[in-house]
């Protein structure tokens, strides 16, 4: 595998080929927001995760795949993940999704307000939806369970290498809720081989992070 998940704003995308799905990752903005494009091999259907910034670069990523965009998921309502949302949605006609409780704060209301336990179907590929509270009210986490390998989980700002997302910047945020939901909906439902694709920076695996869960709980962040 040549994929590393190490990308920089303005740099090329990194590509991971699975049996049924291609995952492309790129970075935009000074905040190093990650943008992911998922492509179904069989049908060419595509889903973009977080049109965070730089709509032209987001649309170029779509063209790196099959050129069509069927689905556009916003993981959560924070401004740094939504700056290109309206432009990309309008340019592509993609169906838009976000957690129901985050929807009112987005620059474009989602076509589909997501609930915990929903499934998004991208061609012949199914993505499970978990809603996690604490970083925002309803951050959307997407899981692809590869039938020929391990799971791949797109966590937005809920889980990073070294800990859960920030919970100190807004009175509505809660470390207790975030830690509880990340543990229940990610760690308790996936094995250690699961690959984690976060909203900023490099990737990790649950096996690398699981030994530190109590440490995170003790420190409170």
Protein backbone atom coordinates (compact mmCIF):
# COMPACT_ATOMS: atom_id res chain seq x y z
CA UNK A 1 0.00 0.00 0.00
CA UNK A 2 1.39 3.39 -1.00
CA UNK A 3 -1.28 5.39 0.86
CA UNK A 4 -0.03 7.25 3.94
CA UNK A 5 -2.75 9.83 4.63
CA UNK A 6 -0.13 12.58 4.83
CA UNK A 7 -1.42 15.52 2.78
CA UNK A 8 -0.82 19.28 2.85
CA UNK A 9 -2.89 22.27 1.71
CA UNK A 10 -2.22 22.93 -1.95
CA UNK A 11 -0.57 19.55 -2.39
CA UNK A 12 -1.77 16.47 -4.25
CA UNK A 13 -4.36 14.07 -2.96
CA UNK A 14 -3.42 10.68 -1.52
CA UNK A 15 -5.26 7.67 -2.93
CA UNK A 16 -6.16 4.39 -1.25
CA UNK A 17 -7.53 1.55 -3.38
CA UNK A 18 -9.80 -1.02 -1.74
CA UNK A 19 -11.55 -3.90 -3.47
CA UNK A 20 -14.86 -2.09 -3.92
CA UNK A 21 -14.01 1.52 -3.05
CA UNK A 22 -11.39 4.19 -3.77
CA UNK A 23 -10.65 6.71 -1.01
CA UNK A 24 -9.03 10.02 -1.95
CA UNK A 25 -7.81 12.45 0.71
CA UNK A 26 -6.66 16.04 0.32
CA UNK A 27 -6.09 19.03 2.59
CA UNK A 28 -7.33 22.62 2.23
CA UNK A 29 -6.96 25.90 4.14
CA UNK A 30 -4.51 27.11 6.76
CA UNK A 31 -6.31 24.87 9.26
CA UNK A 32 -5.34 21.73 7.30
CA UNK A 33 -8.92 20.56 6.86
CA UNK A 34 -9.17 17.13 5.30
CA UNK A 35 -11.56 16.50 2.42
CA UNK A 36 -12.35 12.92 1.39
CA UNK A 37 -13.78 11.57 -1.86
CA UNK A 38 -15.19 8.02 -1.88
CA UNK A 39 -15.76 6.33 -5.24
CA UNK A 40 -17.69 3.09 -5.81
CA UNK A 41 -15.72 0.98 -8.28
CA UNK A 42 -18.70 -0.78 -9.80
CA UNK A 43 -20.95 2.22 -10.46
CA UNK A 44 -18.74 5.31 -10.37
CA UNK A 45 -20.97 6.91 -7.73
CA UNK A 46 -19.10 9.35 -5.48
CA UNK A 47 -19.48 10.89 -2.03
CA UNK A 48 -17.52 13.88 -0.72
CA UNK A 49 -16.93 14.35 3.01
CA UNK A 50 -16.57 17.98 4.16
CA UNK A 51 -16.40 20.67 1.48
CA UNK A 52 -14.32 22.61 3.97
CA UNK A 53 -12.79 25.35 1.81
CA UNK A 54 -11.49 26.12 -1.70
CA UNK A 55 -14.43 25.02 -3.86
CA UNK A 56 -12.28 24.88 -6.98
CA UNK A 57 -9.94 22.36 -5.36
CA UNK A 58 -12.90 20.33 -4.05
CA UNK A 59 -14.38 20.19 -7.54
CA UNK A 60 -10.98 19.20 -8.96
CA UNK A 61 -10.91 16.30 -6.48
CA UNK A 62 -14.30 15.17 -7.81
CA UNK A 63 -12.81 15.22 -11.30
CA UNK A 64 -9.90 13.07 -10.12
CA UNK A 65 -12.52 10.40 -9.62
CA UNK A 66 -15.38 9.91 -12.05
CA UNK A 67 -16.37 13.57 -12.37
CA UNK A 68 -19.81 13.12 -10.83
CA UNK A 69 -20.83 13.87 -7.26
CA UNK A 70 -23.87 12.07 -5.91
CA UNK A 71 -23.56 12.76 -2.18
CA UNK A 72 -22.02 15.53 -0.05
CA UNK A 73 -21.74 14.93 3.70
CA UNK A 74 -20.86 17.63 6.23
CA UNK A 75 -19.52 16.02 9.40
CA UNK A 76 -20.45 18.95 11.66
CA UNK A 77 -21.51 22.57 11.77
CA UNK A 78 -18.21 24.33 12.56
CA UNK A 79 -17.35 27.04 10.05
CA UNK A 80 -13.99 25.61 9.01
CA UNK A 81 -15.74 22.49 7.63
CA UNK A 82 -18.45 24.30 5.66
CA UNK A 83 -16.90 27.21 3.70
CA UNK A 84 -17.19 25.51 0.29
CA UNK A 85 -20.42 23.64 1.02
CA UNK A 86 -22.85 25.85 -0.87
CA UNK A 87 -20.58 26.33 -3.90
CA UNK A 88 -19.80 22.62 -4.30
CA UNK A 89 -23.42 21.59 -3.77
CA UNK A 90 -24.68 24.09 -6.33
CA UNK A 91 -21.99 23.20 -8.89
CA UNK A 92 -22.62 19.46 -8.69
CA UNK A 93 -26.25 19.03 -7.69
CA UNK A 94 -25.14 16.51 -5.07
CA UNK A 95 -27.57 15.41 -2.38
CA UNK A 96 -26.44 16.95 0.92
CA UNK A 97 -26.36 15.38 4.40
CA UNK A 98 -25.58 16.46 7.97
CA UNK A 99 -26.58 15.52 11.50
CA UNK A 100 -30.10 16.75 12.18
CA UNK A 101 -29.20 18.78 15.28
CA UNK A 102 -26.34 20.52 13.44
CA UNK A 103 -28.42 21.34 10.36
CA UNK A 104 -29.77 24.77 11.32
CA UNK A 105 -26.26 26.19 11.75
CA UNK A 106 -25.04 25.21 8.26
CA UNK A 107 -24.79 27.71 5.37
CA UNK A 108 -26.95 25.31 3.34
CA UNK A 109 -29.70 23.20 4.86
CA UNK A 110 -29.09 19.49 4.17
CA UNK A 111 -31.39 17.60 1.87
CA UNK A 112 -31.14 14.71 4.32
CA UNK A 113 -30.89 15.42 8.08
CA UNK A 114 -29.09 12.37 9.43
CA UNK A 115 -30.14 10.26 12.40
CA UNK A 116 -28.04 7.77 14.34
CA UNK A 117 -28.14 4.38 12.63
CA UNK A 118 -28.85 5.70 9.14
CA UNK A 119 -27.12 4.24 6.08
CA UNK A 120 -25.87 6.18 3.06
CA UNK A 121 -25.57 4.07 -0.09
CA UNK A 122 -22.92 5.11 -2.60
CA UNK A 123 -23.50 2.94 -5.64
CA UNK A 124 -22.99 -0.56 -4.22
CA UNK A 125 -21.13 0.63 -1.11
CA UNK A 126 -22.90 1.18 2.24
CA UNK A 127 -21.76 3.68 4.86
CA UNK A 128 -23.08 3.44 8.41
CA UNK A 129 -23.91 6.70 10.20
CA UNK A 130 -23.25 7.29 13.89
CA UNK A 131 -24.11 10.62 15.50
CA UNK A 132 -21.69 11.75 18.20
CA UNK A 133 -22.39 14.60 20.61
CA UNK A 134 -19.88 16.67 22.54
CA UNK A 135 -17.83 18.44 19.86
CA UNK A 136 -21.11 19.55 18.32
CA UNK A 137 -24.64 18.42 19.01
CA UNK A 138 -24.73 15.91 16.15
CA UNK A 139 -21.38 15.25 14.51
CA UNK A 140 -21.70 12.59 11.80
CA UNK A 141 -19.24 9.67 11.78
CA UNK A 142 -19.24 7.44 8.69
CA UNK A 143 -18.10 3.81 8.74
CA UNK A 144 -17.34 1.58 5.78
CA UNK A 145 -16.95 -2.08 6.70
CA UNK A 146 -14.84 -3.52 3.91
CA UNK A 147 -15.98 -7.12 3.27
CA UNK A 148 -12.45 -7.96 2.13
CA UNK A 149 -10.59 -6.18 4.93
CA UNK A 150 -11.00 -3.95 7.97
CA UNK A 151 -13.30 -1.02 8.65
CA UNK A 152 -12.63 2.56 7.56
CA UNK A 153 -14.13 5.30 9.75
CA UNK A 154 -14.37 9.01 8.90
CA UNK A 155 -14.57 10.81 12.23
CA UNK A 156 -14.64 14.54 11.45
CA UNK A 157 -13.42 16.33 14.58
CA UNK A 158 -14.59 13.62 17.02
CA UNK A 159 -11.43 11.50 17.07
CA UNK A 160 -7.80 12.22 16.19
CA UNK A 161 -4.42 10.60 16.76
CA UNK A 162 -3.88 11.20 20.48
CA UNK A 163 -7.39 11.98 21.64
CA UNK A 164 -10.93 13.16 21.04
CA UNK A 165 -11.80 16.54 19.55
CA UNK A 166 -11.81 19.89 21.30
CA UNK A 167 -14.52 20.57 23.89
CA UNK A 168 -13.25 23.77 25.49
CA UNK A 169 -14.35 26.41 23.00
CA UNK A 170 -18.12 26.54 23.36
CA UNK A 171 -20.48 26.16 26.35
CA UNK A 172 -22.48 23.60 24.35
CA UNK A 173 -19.45 21.31 24.06
CA UNK A 174 -18.89 18.48 26.52
CA UNK A 175 -15.90 16.19 27.00
CA UNK A 176 -18.06 13.74 28.94
CA UNK A 177 -20.52 13.37 26.05
CA UNK A 178 -17.81 13.19 23.42
CA UNK A 179 -15.73 10.61 25.26
CA UNK A 180 -18.83 8.50 25.97
CA UNK A 181 -20.07 8.55 22.38
CA UNK A 182 -16.67 8.01 20.77
CA UNK A 183 -16.12 5.02 23.00
CA UNK A 184 -19.62 3.60 22.46
CA UNK A 185 -20.01 4.27 18.74
CA UNK A 186 -16.43 3.84 17.50
CA UNK A 187 -14.21 1.87 19.89
CA UNK A 188 -16.89 -0.53 21.12
CA UNK A 189 -18.21 -1.30 17.62
CA UNK A 190 -14.94 -1.67 15.65
CA UNK A 191 -11.79 -3.73 16.08
CA UNK A 192 -8.19 -2.56 16.38
CA UNK A 193 -7.46 -2.84 12.64
CA UNK A 194 -10.00 -0.08 11.94
CA UNK A 195 -8.46 2.86 10.10
CA UNK A 196 -9.40 6.35 11.32
CA UNK A 197 -9.63 9.29 8.91
CA UNK A 198 -9.98 12.53 10.93
CA UNK A 199 -11.05 16.04 9.98
CA UNK A 200 -7.54 17.48 10.26
CA UNK A 201 -4.04 16.04 9.98
CA UNK A 202 -2.82 12.48 9.73
CA UNK A 203 -4.65 9.19 10.10
CA UNK A 204 -4.47 6.57 12.84
CA UNK A 205 -5.92 3.18 13.79
CA UNK A 206 -8.05 2.13 16.74
CA UNK A 207 -5.28 -0.25 17.76
CA UNK A 208 -2.89 2.69 18.16
CA UNK A 209 -5.40 4.72 20.18
CA UNK A 210 -7.23 2.14 22.33
CA UNK A 211 -4.47 1.75 24.97
CA UNK A 212 -4.79 5.47 25.76
CA UNK A 213 -8.53 5.65 26.43
CA UNK A 214 -8.16 5.76 30.21
CA UNK A 215 -5.42 8.36 29.90
CA UNK A 216 -7.78 10.60 27.92
CA UNK A 217 -10.52 10.04 30.49
CA UNK A 218 -8.23 10.95 33.36
CA UNK A 219 -6.89 14.13 31.79
CA UNK A 220 -10.36 15.29 30.61
CA UNK A 221 -9.48 16.13 27.05
